[in-house]
Amino acid sequence: MEKINVGCRFTLSVMSDNFIDIILGALNEVDMSKVQRKTDRVSTFIEGTAKDVFEVVQAVYKSAGKSGKHIVLNATFSTGQHEEYFEERKIKPKENMSSNQQLCA
């Protein structure tokens, strides 16, 4: 059976004045070593196996939810090869950049 890559672009909306801390805290708390990730000012794109991608999205949502604030997660999942996404933007997946650095890049 051929490995199918799954991609997901998701956005967390947090109804709180400290939404940035909650979002970055959730992204930093979750182990994303099994997926490729790019976070920009609005959303995060991850790619990997279906199992890994779904686990990461679920973990980020649960982590943000620990804040007790109203959290909305919007996600779009896709299948296929996503290397073009990283190559077009000259992004090196799994860079040793913090989420904060990626948001400001």
N, C-alpha and C. Protein backbone atom coordinates (compact mmCIF):
# COMPACT_ATOMS: atom_id res chain seq x y z
N MET A 1 0.84 -1.18 0.00
CA MET A 1 0.00 0.00 0.00
C MET A 1 0.88 1.25 0.00
N GLU A 2 0.57 2.17 -0.87
CA GLU A 2 1.33 3.41 -1.00
C GLU A 2 0.99 4.37 0.14
N LYS A 3 2.01 5.02 0.66
CA LYS A 3 1.80 6.01 1.72
C LYS A 3 1.10 7.23 1.14
N ILE A 4 0.04 7.67 1.79
CA ILE A 4 -0.69 8.86 1.35
C ILE A 4 -0.35 10.01 2.29
N ASN A 5 0.15 11.08 1.73
CA ASN A 5 0.43 12.27 2.53
C ASN A 5 -0.86 13.05 2.73
N VAL A 6 -1.03 13.56 3.92
CA VAL A 6 -2.17 14.40 4.24
C VAL A 6 -1.63 15.74 4.69
N GLY A 7 -2.26 16.80 4.23
CA GLY A 7 -1.92 18.14 4.66
C GLY A 7 -3.10 18.75 5.38
N CYS A 8 -2.82 19.68 6.25
CA CYS A 8 -3.90 20.39 6.94
C CYS A 8 -3.46 21.82 7.22
N ARG A 9 -4.28 22.75 6.80
CA ARG A 9 -4.09 24.15 7.18
C ARG A 9 -5.16 24.45 8.22
N PHE A 10 -4.71 24.89 9.41
CA PHE A 10 -5.69 25.19 10.45
C PHE A 10 -5.42 26.53 11.09
N THR A 11 -6.50 27.11 11.60
CA THR A 11 -6.46 28.39 12.27
C THR A 11 -7.17 28.24 13.61
N LEU A 12 -6.53 28.69 14.65
CA LEU A 12 -7.17 28.73 15.97
C LEU A 12 -7.64 30.15 16.22
N SER A 13 -8.89 30.30 16.62
CA SER A 13 -9.43 31.59 17.03
C SER A 13 -9.75 31.48 18.51
N VAL A 14 -9.15 32.35 19.29
CA VAL A 14 -9.30 32.31 20.74
C VAL A 14 -9.96 33.61 21.18
N MET A 15 -11.06 33.48 21.87
CA MET A 15 -11.79 34.66 22.34
C MET A 15 -11.22 35.11 23.69
N SER A 16 -10.07 35.79 23.60
CA SER A 16 -9.38 36.25 24.80
C SER A 16 -8.38 37.33 24.41
N ASP A 17 -8.11 38.22 25.35
CA ASP A 17 -7.11 39.26 25.10
C ASP A 17 -5.72 38.68 24.93
N ASN A 18 -5.44 37.54 25.56
CA ASN A 18 -4.11 36.94 25.45
C ASN A 18 -4.11 35.78 24.45
N PHE A 19 -4.83 35.95 23.34
CA PHE A 19 -4.96 34.90 22.33
C PHE A 19 -3.62 34.47 21.77
N ILE A 20 -2.67 35.38 21.61
CA ILE A 20 -1.38 35.03 21.05
C ILE A 20 -0.66 34.04 21.95
N ASP A 21 -0.65 34.30 23.25
CA ASP A 21 0.02 33.39 24.19
C ASP A 21 -0.63 32.01 24.17
N ILE A 22 -1.95 31.97 24.08
CA ILE A 22 -2.65 30.69 24.08
C ILE A 22 -2.34 29.91 22.81
N ILE A 23 -2.37 30.58 21.67
CA ILE A 23 -2.10 29.90 20.39
C ILE A 23 -0.65 29.41 20.34
N LEU A 24 0.29 30.31 20.63
CA LEU A 24 1.70 29.90 20.58
C LEU A 24 2.02 28.84 21.63
N GLY A 25 1.38 28.94 22.79
CA GLY A 25 1.58 27.94 23.82
C GLY A 25 1.13 26.56 23.35
N ALA A 26 -0.02 26.52 22.69
CA ALA A 26 -0.54 25.25 22.17
C ALA A 26 0.38 24.69 21.10
N LEU A 27 0.84 25.53 20.18
CA LEU A 27 1.72 25.07 19.12
C LEU A 27 3.05 24.57 19.67
N ASN A 28 3.56 25.23 20.69
CA ASN A 28 4.85 24.84 21.27
C ASN A 28 4.75 23.61 22.16
N GLU A 29 3.60 23.39 22.75
CA GLU A 29 3.43 22.26 23.68
C GLU A 29 3.34 20.92 22.94
N VAL A 30 2.83 20.93 21.72
CA VAL A 30 2.56 19.69 21.00
C VAL A 30 3.81 19.22 20.25
N ASP A 31 4.10 17.94 20.34
CA ASP A 31 5.21 17.34 19.61
C ASP A 31 4.84 17.26 18.13
N MET A 32 5.56 17.99 17.31
CA MET A 32 5.30 18.00 15.87
C MET A 32 6.46 17.41 15.09
N SER A 33 7.24 16.57 15.76
CA SER A 33 8.43 16.01 15.11
C SER A 33 8.10 15.04 13.97
N LYS A 34 6.88 14.53 13.92
CA LYS A 34 6.52 13.59 12.86
C LYS A 34 5.84 14.25 11.67
N VAL A 35 5.67 15.58 11.72
CA VAL A 35 5.05 16.31 10.61
C VAL A 35 5.95 17.46 10.18
N GLN A 36 5.74 17.92 8.97
CA GLN A 36 6.39 19.15 8.52
C GLN A 36 5.44 20.28 8.87
N ARG A 37 5.97 21.42 9.27
CA ARG A 37 5.11 22.51 9.73
C ARG A 37 5.60 23.87 9.25
N LYS A 38 4.65 24.69 8.91
CA LYS A 38 4.92 26.11 8.64
C LYS A 38 3.80 26.92 9.27
N THR A 39 4.18 27.83 10.14
CA THR A 39 3.21 28.71 10.80
C THR A 39 3.43 30.12 10.29
N ASP A 40 2.32 30.77 9.89
CA ASP A 40 2.43 32.17 9.50
C ASP A 40 1.58 33.00 10.47
N ARG A 41 1.26 34.21 10.12
CA ARG A 41 0.56 35.10 11.04
C ARG A 41 -0.89 34.69 11.28
N VAL A 42 -1.44 33.85 10.42
CA VAL A 42 -2.86 33.52 10.52
C VAL A 42 -3.12 32.03 10.77
N SER A 43 -2.28 31.19 10.21
CA SER A 43 -2.58 29.76 10.27
C SER A 43 -1.30 28.92 10.32
N THR A 44 -1.51 27.63 10.48
CA THR A 44 -0.42 26.67 10.47
C THR A 44 -0.74 25.60 9.44
N PHE A 45 0.27 25.24 8.63
CA PHE A 45 0.14 24.15 7.67
C PHE A 45 1.03 23.02 8.14
N ILE A 46 0.46 21.81 8.22
CA ILE A 46 1.25 20.63 8.57
C ILE A 46 1.02 19.56 7.52
N GLU A 47 2.02 18.68 7.37
CA GLU A 47 1.92 17.57 6.43
C GLU A 47 2.58 16.35 7.03
N GLY A 48 1.99 15.20 6.77
CA GLY A 48 2.55 13.94 7.23
C GLY A 48 1.58 12.82 6.92
N THR A 49 1.70 11.72 7.65
CA THR A 49 0.73 10.64 7.47
C THR A 49 -0.60 11.09 8.05
N ALA A 50 -1.67 10.46 7.60
CA ALA A 50 -3.00 10.83 8.10
C ALA A 50 -3.05 10.73 9.62
N LYS A 51 -2.54 9.65 10.16
CA LYS A 51 -2.55 9.44 11.61
C LYS A 51 -1.83 10.58 12.33
N ASP A 52 -0.64 10.92 11.87
CA ASP A 52 0.15 11.96 12.53
C ASP A 52 -0.52 13.33 12.42
N VAL A 53 -1.03 13.65 11.24
CA VAL A 53 -1.66 14.96 11.04
C VAL A 53 -2.89 15.10 11.92
N PHE A 54 -3.76 14.09 11.93
CA PHE A 54 -4.96 14.18 12.75
C PHE A 54 -4.61 14.24 14.23
N GLU A 55 -3.61 13.50 14.66
CA GLU A 55 -3.20 13.54 16.07
C GLU A 55 -2.67 14.91 16.47
N VAL A 56 -1.87 15.53 15.59
CA VAL A 56 -1.32 16.85 15.90
C VAL A 56 -2.44 17.89 15.99
N VAL A 57 -3.35 17.89 15.03
CA VAL A 57 -4.44 18.87 15.06
C VAL A 57 -5.27 18.70 16.33
N GLN A 58 -5.59 17.47 16.66
CA GLN A 58 -6.36 17.20 17.87
C GLN A 58 -5.61 17.67 19.11
N ALA A 59 -4.32 17.40 19.18
CA ALA A 59 -3.52 17.78 20.34
C ALA A 59 -3.42 19.30 20.49
N VAL A 60 -3.27 20.01 19.37
CA VAL A 60 -3.20 21.48 19.43
C VAL A 60 -4.53 22.04 19.95
N TYR A 61 -5.62 21.51 19.44
CA TYR A 61 -6.95 21.96 19.87
C TYR A 61 -7.16 21.70 21.36
N LYS A 62 -6.80 20.51 21.82
CA LYS A 62 -6.94 20.18 23.24
C LYS A 62 -6.05 21.07 24.10
N SER A 63 -4.84 21.33 23.63
CA SER A 63 -3.92 22.17 24.39
C SER A 63 -4.47 23.59 24.54
N ALA A 64 -4.95 24.15 23.44
CA ALA A 64 -5.52 25.50 23.50
C ALA A 64 -6.76 25.51 24.40
N GLY A 65 -7.53 24.44 24.36
CA GLY A 65 -8.75 24.36 25.17
C GLY A 65 -8.50 24.35 26.66
N LYS A 66 -7.29 23.95 27.07
CA LYS A 66 -6.96 23.95 28.49
C LYS A 66 -7.00 25.36 29.09
N SER A 67 -7.00 26.37 28.23
CA SER A 67 -7.04 27.75 28.70
C SER A 67 -8.39 28.10 29.33
N GLY A 68 -9.41 27.31 29.00
CA GLY A 68 -10.74 27.60 29.51
C GLY A 68 -11.47 28.67 28.70
N LYS A 69 -10.81 29.21 27.69
CA LYS A 69 -11.42 30.24 26.84
C LYS A 69 -12.21 29.59 25.71
N HIS A 70 -13.06 30.37 25.07
CA HIS A 70 -13.80 29.88 23.90
C HIS A 70 -12.82 29.75 22.74
N ILE A 71 -12.68 28.54 22.20
CA ILE A 71 -11.72 28.25 21.13
C ILE A 71 -12.48 27.75 19.91
N VAL A 72 -12.12 28.29 18.74
CA VAL A 72 -12.66 27.80 17.47
C VAL A 72 -11.48 27.34 16.63
N LEU A 73 -11.59 26.15 16.04
CA LEU A 73 -10.56 25.64 15.15
C LEU A 73 -11.19 25.43 13.78
N ASN A 74 -10.65 26.10 12.77
CA ASN A 74 -11.06 25.89 11.38
C ASN A 74 -9.92 25.16 10.70
N ALA A 75 -10.25 24.06 10.00
CA ALA A 75 -9.20 23.25 9.37
C ALA A 75 -9.65 22.78 7.99
N THR A 76 -8.69 22.77 7.07
CA THR A 76 -8.91 22.21 5.75
C THR A 76 -7.86 21.12 5.55
N PHE A 77 -8.33 19.91 5.29
CA PHE A 77 -7.45 18.76 5.07
C PHE A 77 -7.37 18.47 3.57
N SER A 78 -6.19 18.02 3.15
CA SER A 78 -6.00 17.66 1.74
C SER A 78 -5.08 16.45 1.66
N THR A 79 -5.16 15.75 0.53
CA THR A 79 -4.29 14.60 0.32
C THR A 79 -3.39 14.84 -0.88
N GLY A 80 -2.31 14.10 -0.96
CA GLY A 80 -1.38 14.23 -2.08
C GLY A 80 -0.05 14.77 -1.62
N GLN A 81 0.76 15.14 -2.57
CA GLN A 81 2.09 15.67 -2.28
C GLN A 81 2.00 17.17 -2.08
N HIS A 82 2.65 17.64 -1.02
CA HIS A 82 2.60 19.07 -0.70
C HIS A 82 3.98 19.71 -0.74
N GLU A 83 4.97 19.02 -1.30
CA GLU A 83 6.32 19.58 -1.32
C GLU A 83 6.34 20.93 -2.02
N GLU A 84 5.46 21.09 -3.01
CA GLU A 84 5.43 22.36 -3.76
C GLU A 84 5.17 23.52 -2.81
N TYR A 85 4.33 23.30 -1.80
CA TYR A 85 4.01 24.37 -0.85
C TYR A 85 5.28 24.87 -0.19
N PHE A 86 6.10 23.94 0.27
CA PHE A 86 7.33 24.32 0.96
C PHE A 86 8.37 24.85 -0.02
N GLU A 87 8.48 24.23 -1.20
CA GLU A 87 9.49 24.65 -2.18
C GLU A 87 9.19 26.03 -2.75
N GLU A 88 7.93 26.30 -3.12
CA GLU A 88 7.57 27.60 -3.70
C GLU A 88 7.93 28.75 -2.78
N ARG A 89 7.80 28.53 -1.51
CA ARG A 89 8.02 29.60 -0.54
C ARG A 89 9.43 29.53 0.06
N LYS A 90 10.24 28.64 -0.52
CA LYS A 90 11.61 28.46 -0.05
C LYS A 90 11.65 28.21 1.46
N ILE A 91 10.71 27.39 1.91
CA ILE A 91 10.59 27.05 3.32
C ILE A 91 11.32 25.76 3.57
N LYS A 92 12.06 25.71 4.64
CA LYS A 92 12.70 24.47 5.05
C LYS A 92 11.88 23.89 6.19
N PRO A 93 11.07 22.86 5.93
CA PRO A 93 10.28 22.27 7.00
C PRO A 93 11.16 21.79 8.15
N LYS A 94 10.59 21.80 9.32
CA LYS A 94 11.27 21.35 10.54
C LYS A 94 12.49 22.21 10.87
N GLU A 95 12.45 23.49 10.48
CA GLU A 95 13.53 24.38 10.87
C GLU A 95 13.52 24.55 12.37
N ASN A 96 14.64 24.89 12.91
CA ASN A 96 14.72 25.12 14.35
C ASN A 96 14.35 26.56 14.68
N MET A 97 13.14 26.92 14.27
CA MET A 97 12.61 28.25 14.58
C MET A 97 11.45 28.08 15.54
N SER A 98 11.36 28.97 16.50
CA SER A 98 10.22 28.92 17.40
C SER A 98 9.00 29.42 16.64
N SER A 99 7.83 29.11 17.16
CA SER A 99 6.59 29.59 16.54
C SER A 99 6.58 31.11 16.49
N ASN A 100 7.13 31.74 17.53
CA ASN A 100 7.18 33.20 17.57
C ASN A 100 8.01 33.74 16.43
N GLN A 101 9.17 33.12 16.18
CA GLN A 101 10.01 33.56 15.07
C GLN A 101 9.30 33.34 13.74
N GLN A 102 8.57 32.24 13.60
CA GLN A 102 7.89 31.96 12.36
C GLN A 102 6.77 32.96 12.13
N LEU A 103 6.07 33.37 13.19
CA LEU A 103 5.00 34.34 13.03
C LEU A 103 5.52 35.69 12.57
N CYS A 104 6.73 36.00 12.97
CA CYS A 104 7.31 37.31 12.64
C CYS A 104 8.10 37.29 11.34
N ALA A 105 8.30 36.10 10.76
CA ALA A 105 9.09 35.97 9.54
C ALA A 105 8.35 36.52 8.33
